[in-house]
């Protein structure tokens, strides 16, 4: 029977803490977005579109955000019902529409982005830039390893 290496024990502790932080971040995002009818999931999908600077397909959003296409499609349907996104014909694919933010969606995204600035600045208070950049580097490395393992399976 195999045993965890010391590094494996520490990494297990890190993974459990990431799960905990993820839940807390989702709850905080839900609170920030509530006045705008945005959940963390809706905000995440809108962010993928906004940050890309162009309309995206559901599959493209799913890949960028590490979500399933089905989950993204459900969220897109919710956002369309709130007039925050619209489906646009895709010249490259007849069935895979492009998803674009509406004017209302752009205004809502700008409003939640502004709220996030104050929230994140408060959260960052007391943290050092080097701590944050090291954490980013570690998490990006783990993401890369997990993506490669997923592709190889």
Protein backbone atom coordinates (compact mmCIF):
# COMPACT_ATOMS: atom_id res chain seq x y z
CA UNK A 1 0.00 0.00 0.00
CA UNK A 2 1.38 3.39 -0.98
CA UNK A 3 1.88 6.27 1.42
CA UNK A 4 1.87 9.97 0.71
CA UNK A 5 5.23 11.64 0.46
CA UNK A 6 5.75 14.61 2.76
CA UNK A 7 5.16 16.89 -0.24
CA UNK A 8 1.96 14.96 -0.98
CA UNK A 9 0.73 15.55 2.55
CA UNK A 10 1.39 19.27 2.26
CA UNK A 11 -0.22 19.40 -1.18
CA UNK A 12 -3.28 17.59 0.18
CA UNK A 13 -3.55 20.26 2.87
CA UNK A 14 -3.24 22.95 0.19
CA UNK A 15 -5.94 21.34 -1.96
CA UNK A 16 -8.32 21.19 0.99
CA UNK A 17 -7.64 24.85 1.75
CA UNK A 18 -8.23 25.76 -1.93
CA UNK A 19 -11.61 23.99 -1.75
CA UNK A 20 -12.47 25.99 1.38
CA UNK A 21 -11.31 29.29 -0.15
CA UNK A 22 -13.23 28.51 -3.34
CA UNK A 23 -16.45 28.11 -1.38
CA UNK A 24 -15.84 31.34 0.52
CA UNK A 25 -15.01 33.21 -2.70
CA UNK A 26 -18.17 31.94 -4.39
CA UNK A 27 -20.26 33.04 -1.41
CA UNK A 28 -18.59 36.47 -1.40
CA UNK A 29 -19.17 36.79 -5.15
CA UNK A 30 -22.82 35.90 -4.69
CA UNK A 31 -23.16 38.64 -2.05
CA UNK A 32 -21.44 41.21 -4.28
CA UNK A 33 -23.59 40.30 -7.26
CA UNK A 34 -26.93 39.95 -5.49
CA UNK A 35 -28.06 43.57 -6.05
CA UNK A 36 -27.47 43.06 -9.79
CA UNK A 37 -29.07 39.58 -9.96
CA UNK A 38 -25.63 38.09 -10.57
CA UNK A 39 -24.41 34.89 -8.98
CA UNK A 40 -20.71 34.07 -8.99
CA UNK A 41 -21.37 31.70 -11.90
CA UNK A 42 -23.15 34.38 -13.95
CA UNK A 43 -20.40 36.88 -13.17
CA UNK A 44 -17.77 34.34 -14.19
CA UNK A 45 -19.39 33.73 -17.59
CA UNK A 46 -19.85 37.46 -18.20
CA UNK A 47 -16.22 38.00 -17.20
CA UNK A 48 -14.99 35.47 -19.74
CA UNK A 49 -16.79 37.38 -22.49
CA UNK A 50 -15.77 40.81 -21.22
CA UNK A 51 -12.11 39.91 -20.71
CA UNK A 52 -11.85 38.29 -24.15
CA UNK A 53 -12.92 41.55 -25.77
CA UNK A 54 -15.16 39.68 -28.19
CA UNK A 55 -18.16 37.38 -28.38
CA UNK A 56 -17.49 33.73 -27.56
CA UNK A 57 -19.26 30.42 -28.08
CA UNK A 58 -20.50 28.43 -25.10
CA UNK A 59 -17.69 25.91 -25.69
CA UNK A 60 -15.06 28.66 -25.71
CA UNK A 61 -16.39 30.09 -22.44
CA UNK A 62 -16.42 26.62 -20.89
CA UNK A 63 -12.80 25.96 -21.88
CA UNK A 64 -11.59 29.33 -20.58
CA UNK A 65 -13.36 28.97 -17.25
CA UNK A 66 -12.85 25.24 -16.64
CA UNK A 67 -16.59 24.56 -16.70
CA UNK A 68 -18.75 22.10 -18.62
CA UNK A 69 -20.56 23.28 -21.73
CA UNK A 70 -23.86 22.23 -20.16
CA UNK A 71 -23.25 24.40 -17.10
CA UNK A 72 -22.28 27.37 -19.25
CA UNK A 73 -25.33 26.89 -21.49
CA UNK A 74 -27.62 26.94 -18.45
CA UNK A 75 -25.97 30.12 -17.18
CA UNK A 76 -26.15 31.74 -20.64
CA UNK A 77 -29.86 30.92 -20.75
CA UNK A 78 -30.32 32.57 -17.33
CA UNK A 79 -28.34 35.65 -18.43
CA UNK A 80 -30.33 35.89 -21.67
CA UNK A 81 -33.53 35.84 -19.61
CA UNK A 82 -32.18 38.80 -17.64
CA UNK A 83 -31.23 40.62 -20.90
CA UNK A 84 -27.55 40.55 -19.96
CA UNK A 85 -26.35 38.48 -22.93
CA UNK A 86 -27.61 37.88 -26.42
CA UNK A 87 -26.99 35.15 -28.96
CA UNK A 88 -25.38 36.31 -32.18
CA UNK A 89 -25.07 34.38 -35.43
CA UNK A 90 -21.67 32.78 -35.80
CA UNK A 91 -20.28 33.03 -39.35
CA UNK A 92 -17.96 30.09 -38.63
CA UNK A 93 -20.58 27.70 -37.29
CA UNK A 94 -24.31 27.67 -37.95
CA UNK A 95 -25.37 25.94 -34.71
CA UNK A 96 -22.85 27.36 -32.22
CA UNK A 97 -24.01 30.90 -31.62
CA UNK A 98 -21.69 33.56 -30.26
CA UNK A 99 -22.57 34.97 -26.87
CA UNK A 100 -22.28 38.75 -26.48
CA UNK A 101 -22.99 41.09 -23.59
CA UNK A 102 -25.98 43.36 -24.09
CA UNK A 103 -25.84 47.02 -23.07
CA UNK A 104 -27.57 46.03 -19.82
CA UNK A 105 -25.02 43.23 -19.36
CA UNK A 106 -22.10 45.60 -19.93
CA UNK A 107 -23.52 48.05 -17.38
CA UNK A 108 -24.09 45.27 -14.84
CA UNK A 109 -20.58 43.91 -15.38
CA UNK A 110 -19.08 47.39 -14.96
CA UNK A 111 -21.06 47.86 -11.73
CA UNK A 112 -19.98 44.57 -10.18
CA UNK A 113 -16.41 45.17 -11.32
CA UNK A 114 -16.48 48.47 -9.43
CA UNK A 115 -17.82 46.75 -6.32
CA UNK A 116 -15.10 44.13 -6.62
CA UNK A 117 -12.38 46.80 -6.53
CA UNK A 118 -13.25 47.93 -3.01
CA UNK A 119 -13.79 44.35 -1.84
CA UNK A 120 -10.51 43.00 -3.26
CA UNK A 121 -8.48 45.96 -2.00
CA UNK A 122 -9.79 45.28 1.50
CA UNK A 123 -9.03 41.58 1.16
CA UNK A 124 -5.48 42.34 -0.04
CA UNK A 125 -4.81 44.58 2.96
CA UNK A 126 -1.92 43.10 4.92
CA UNK A 127 -0.77 40.73 2.18
CA UNK A 128 2.58 41.20 0.49
CA UNK A 129 3.01 41.27 -3.28
CA UNK A 130 5.58 38.46 -3.09
CA UNK A 131 3.14 36.22 -1.20
CA UNK A 132 0.49 36.80 -3.82
CA UNK A 133 2.81 36.27 -6.80
CA UNK A 134 4.21 33.04 -5.30
CA UNK A 135 0.68 31.75 -4.72
CA UNK A 136 -0.25 32.61 -8.32
CA UNK A 137 2.82 30.80 -9.62
CA UNK A 138 2.05 27.71 -7.54
CA UNK A 139 -1.61 27.58 -8.55
CA UNK A 140 -0.81 28.12 -12.24
CA UNK A 141 1.70 25.27 -12.07
CA UNK A 142 -0.90 22.99 -10.48
CA UNK A 143 -3.46 24.02 -13.12
CA UNK A 144 -1.04 23.16 -15.89
CA UNK A 145 -0.27 19.75 -14.39
CA UNK A 146 -3.97 18.99 -13.93
CA UNK A 147 -4.80 20.08 -17.50
CA UNK A 148 -2.00 17.91 -18.90
CA UNK A 149 -3.13 14.92 -16.84
CA UNK A 150 -6.69 15.44 -18.08
CA UNK A 151 -5.55 15.56 -21.70
CA UNK A 152 -3.49 12.38 -21.27
CA UNK A 153 -6.33 10.38 -19.72
